[in-house]
Amino acid sequence: MAGIETNEACRETLSEPFEALVEKAVSSGWPEHEVALAMSELAEALVVRVSARVLIEGSIYSQLASERAKN
């Protein structure tokens, strides 16, 4: 799991492009609350995809380790 420093560095890297994306959506006519909701939903979908991948990869590694232990 990422450390506090790594998380903060990532957040700093993403902050400016994130704000630019929000500003672009708002300047395109989308209400700020709609933009916030859409961004939240997109972030949640990313968390679900990443979590699923971690679970699947963990399961695969666990199965491989189990098979190796049998041999």
N, C-alpha and C. Protein backbone atom coordinates (compact mmCIF):
# COMPACT_ATOMS: atom_id res chain seq x y z
N MET A 1 0.85 -1.18 0.00
CA MET A 1 0.00 0.00 0.00
C MET A 1 0.89 1.24 0.00
N ALA A 2 0.47 2.24 -0.69
CA ALA A 2 1.26 3.46 -0.82
C ALA A 2 1.39 4.17 0.52
N GLY A 3 2.56 4.72 0.73
CA GLY A 3 2.80 5.49 1.93
C GLY A 3 2.19 6.88 1.82
N ILE A 4 2.20 7.58 2.93
CA ILE A 4 1.61 8.93 2.98
C ILE A 4 2.33 9.86 2.01
N GLU A 5 3.67 9.78 1.96
CA GLU A 5 4.43 10.65 1.08
C GLU A 5 4.11 10.35 -0.39
N THR A 6 4.02 9.09 -0.73
CA THR A 6 3.72 8.69 -2.11
C THR A 6 2.33 9.16 -2.50
N ASN A 7 1.37 8.99 -1.60
CA ASN A 7 0.00 9.41 -1.86
C ASN A 7 -0.06 10.92 -2.06
N GLU A 8 0.65 11.66 -1.23
CA GLU A 8 0.65 13.12 -1.34
C GLU A 8 1.30 13.56 -2.65
N ALA A 9 2.39 12.91 -3.04
CA ALA A 9 3.06 13.25 -4.29
C ALA A 9 2.14 12.98 -5.48
N CYS A 10 1.44 11.87 -5.43
CA CYS A 10 0.50 11.53 -6.50
C CYS A 10 -0.62 12.56 -6.57
N ARG A 11 -1.14 12.93 -5.41
CA ARG A 11 -2.22 13.93 -5.35
C ARG A 11 -1.73 15.27 -5.92
N GLU A 12 -0.52 15.66 -5.59
CA GLU A 12 0.03 16.91 -6.12
C GLU A 12 0.18 16.84 -7.64
N THR A 13 0.61 15.69 -8.14
CA THR A 13 0.77 15.52 -9.58
C THR A 13 -0.57 15.62 -10.30
N LEU A 14 -1.61 15.08 -9.70
CA LEU A 14 -2.93 15.05 -10.34
C LEU A 14 -3.73 16.33 -10.12
N SER A 15 -3.39 17.11 -9.13
CA SER A 15 -4.20 18.26 -8.74
C SER A 15 -4.43 19.25 -9.87
N GLU A 16 -3.38 19.68 -10.52
CA GLU A 16 -3.52 20.69 -11.58
C GLU A 16 -4.33 20.17 -12.77
N PRO A 17 -4.02 18.97 -13.29
CA PRO A 17 -4.84 18.47 -14.42
C PRO A 17 -6.29 18.21 -14.00
N PHE A 18 -6.49 17.80 -12.78
CA PHE A 18 -7.85 17.56 -12.28
C PHE A 18 -8.64 18.86 -12.27
N GLU A 19 -8.04 19.91 -11.72
CA GLU A 19 -8.71 21.21 -11.67
C GLU A 19 -8.97 21.74 -13.08
N ALA A 20 -8.02 21.51 -13.99
CA ALA A 20 -8.20 21.95 -15.37
C ALA A 20 -9.38 21.21 -16.01
N LEU A 21 -9.51 19.93 -15.72
CA LEU A 21 -10.63 19.15 -16.26
C LEU A 21 -11.95 19.65 -15.71
N VAL A 22 -11.98 19.93 -14.41
CA VAL A 22 -13.21 20.48 -13.80
C VAL A 22 -13.55 21.82 -14.44
N GLU A 23 -12.57 22.70 -14.56
CA GLU A 23 -12.80 24.02 -15.16
C GLU A 23 -13.30 23.89 -16.60
N LYS A 24 -12.73 22.95 -17.36
CA LYS A 24 -13.16 22.74 -18.74
C LYS A 24 -14.62 22.31 -18.79
N ALA A 25 -14.99 21.38 -17.92
CA ALA A 25 -16.38 20.89 -17.91
C ALA A 25 -17.35 22.01 -17.51
N VAL A 26 -16.97 22.79 -16.51
CA VAL A 26 -17.84 23.89 -16.06
C VAL A 26 -17.94 24.96 -17.15
N SER A 27 -16.82 25.28 -17.79
CA SER A 27 -16.85 26.30 -18.84
C SER A 27 -17.61 25.80 -20.08
N SER A 28 -17.77 24.48 -20.18
CA SER A 28 -18.56 23.91 -21.28
C SER A 28 -20.05 23.93 -20.98
N GLY A 29 -20.39 24.40 -19.78
CA GLY A 29 -21.79 24.55 -19.44
C GLY A 29 -22.33 23.59 -18.40
N TRP A 30 -21.50 22.66 -17.96
CA TRP A 30 -21.98 21.72 -16.94
C TRP A 30 -21.97 22.39 -15.57
N PRO A 31 -23.05 22.22 -14.80
CA PRO A 31 -23.06 22.77 -13.44
C PRO A 31 -21.99 22.08 -12.60
N GLU A 32 -21.39 22.85 -11.71
CA GLU A 32 -20.31 22.32 -10.89
C GLU A 32 -20.72 21.08 -10.10
N HIS A 33 -21.96 21.04 -9.60
CA HIS A 33 -22.39 19.87 -8.84
C HIS A 33 -22.47 18.63 -9.73
N GLU A 34 -22.85 18.80 -11.01
CA GLU A 34 -22.88 17.67 -11.94
C GLU A 34 -21.47 17.18 -12.23
N VAL A 35 -20.55 18.11 -12.38
CA VAL A 35 -19.15 17.76 -12.63
C VAL A 35 -18.60 16.99 -11.44
N ALA A 36 -18.87 17.49 -10.24
CA ALA A 36 -18.38 16.82 -9.02
C ALA A 36 -18.94 15.41 -8.92
N LEU A 37 -20.21 15.24 -9.21
CA LEU A 37 -20.82 13.91 -9.15
C LEU A 37 -20.23 12.99 -10.20
N ALA A 38 -20.07 13.48 -11.41
CA ALA A 38 -19.49 12.66 -12.48
C ALA A 38 -18.06 12.26 -12.14
N MET A 39 -17.27 13.18 -11.63
CA MET A 39 -15.89 12.88 -11.25
C MET A 39 -15.85 11.84 -10.14
N SER A 40 -16.75 11.97 -9.20
CA SER A 40 -16.83 11.01 -8.10
C SER A 40 -17.19 9.62 -8.61
N GLU A 41 -18.14 9.55 -9.53
CA GLU A 41 -18.55 8.27 -10.10
C GLU A 41 -17.41 7.65 -10.91
N LEU A 42 -16.69 8.47 -11.66
CA LEU A 42 -15.55 7.95 -12.42
C LEU A 42 -14.45 7.44 -11.49
N ALA A 43 -14.20 8.17 -10.42
CA ALA A 43 -13.19 7.73 -9.45
C ALA A 43 -13.62 6.42 -8.79
N GLU A 44 -14.89 6.31 -8.45
CA GLU A 44 -15.38 5.08 -7.84
C GLU A 44 -15.24 3.90 -8.80
N ALA A 45 -15.53 4.12 -10.07
CA ALA A 45 -15.38 3.05 -11.06
C ALA A 45 -13.92 2.61 -11.17
N LEU A 46 -13.00 3.55 -11.08
CA LEU A 46 -11.58 3.22 -11.11
C LEU A 46 -11.20 2.39 -9.89
N VAL A 47 -11.69 2.78 -8.73
CA VAL A 47 -11.40 2.02 -7.51
C VAL A 47 -11.92 0.59 -7.63
N VAL A 48 -13.11 0.43 -8.18
CA VAL A 48 -13.68 -0.90 -8.36
C VAL A 48 -12.83 -1.73 -9.31
N ARG A 49 -12.42 -1.14 -10.44
CA ARG A 49 -11.59 -1.87 -11.41
C ARG A 49 -10.25 -2.28 -10.80
N VAL A 50 -9.60 -1.35 -10.12
CA VAL A 50 -8.30 -1.64 -9.53
C VAL A 50 -8.45 -2.69 -8.43
N SER A 51 -9.47 -2.55 -7.60
CA SER A 51 -9.70 -3.53 -6.52
C SER A 51 -9.95 -4.91 -7.08
N ALA A 52 -10.75 -4.99 -8.13
CA ALA A 52 -11.04 -6.28 -8.75
C ALA A 52 -9.76 -6.91 -9.29
N ARG A 53 -8.92 -6.10 -9.92
CA ARG A 53 -7.66 -6.60 -10.47
C ARG A 53 -6.75 -7.11 -9.35
N VAL A 54 -6.69 -6.38 -8.25
CA VAL A 54 -5.87 -6.80 -7.11
C VAL A 54 -6.38 -8.13 -6.55
N LEU A 55 -7.70 -8.25 -6.42
CA LEU A 55 -8.28 -9.50 -5.91
C LEU A 55 -8.00 -10.66 -6.85
N ILE A 56 -8.17 -10.44 -8.14
CA ILE A 56 -7.94 -11.50 -9.12
C ILE A 56 -6.47 -11.91 -9.12
N GLU A 57 -5.58 -10.92 -9.16
CA GLU A 57 -4.15 -11.24 -9.16
C GLU A 57 -3.76 -11.95 -7.87
N GLY A 58 -4.30 -11.53 -6.74
CA GLY A 58 -4.01 -12.19 -5.47
C GLY A 58 -4.49 -13.62 -5.48
N SER A 59 -5.65 -13.85 -6.07
CA SER A 59 -6.18 -15.20 -6.16
C SER A 59 -5.30 -16.07 -7.04
N ILE A 60 -4.85 -15.51 -8.15
CA ILE A 60 -3.98 -16.27 -9.06
C ILE A 60 -2.67 -16.62 -8.37
N TYR A 61 -2.07 -15.64 -7.69
CA TYR A 61 -0.81 -15.91 -6.99
C TYR A 61 -1.00 -16.96 -5.90
N SER A 62 -2.13 -16.88 -5.23
CA SER A 62 -2.43 -17.85 -4.18
C SER A 62 -2.58 -19.26 -4.76
N GLN A 63 -3.26 -19.36 -5.91
CA GLN A 63 -3.42 -20.66 -6.56
C GLN A 63 -2.08 -21.21 -7.03
N LEU A 64 -1.25 -20.34 -7.60
CA LEU A 64 0.07 -20.78 -8.05
C LEU A 64 0.92 -21.26 -6.88
N ALA A 65 0.87 -20.53 -5.79
CA ALA A 65 1.65 -20.92 -4.61
C ALA A 65 1.15 -22.25 -4.07
N SER A 66 -0.16 -22.44 -4.08
CA SER A 66 -0.76 -23.68 -3.60
C SER A 66 -0.32 -24.85 -4.48
N GLU A 67 -0.34 -24.65 -5.80
CA GLU A 67 0.07 -25.70 -6.73
C GLU A 67 1.55 -26.03 -6.58
N ARG A 68 2.37 -25.01 -6.37
CA ARG A 68 3.79 -25.23 -6.18
C ARG A 68 4.07 -26.01 -4.90
N ALA A 69 3.29 -25.73 -3.87
CA ALA A 69 3.47 -26.41 -2.60
C ALA A 69 3.11 -27.89 -2.72
N LYS A 70 2.18 -28.22 -3.61
CA LYS A 70 1.78 -29.61 -3.80
C LYS A 70 2.86 -30.40 -4.53
N ASN A 71 3.61 -29.72 -5.37
CA ASN A 71 4.62 -30.40 -6.19
C ASN A 71 5.88 -30.55 -5.46
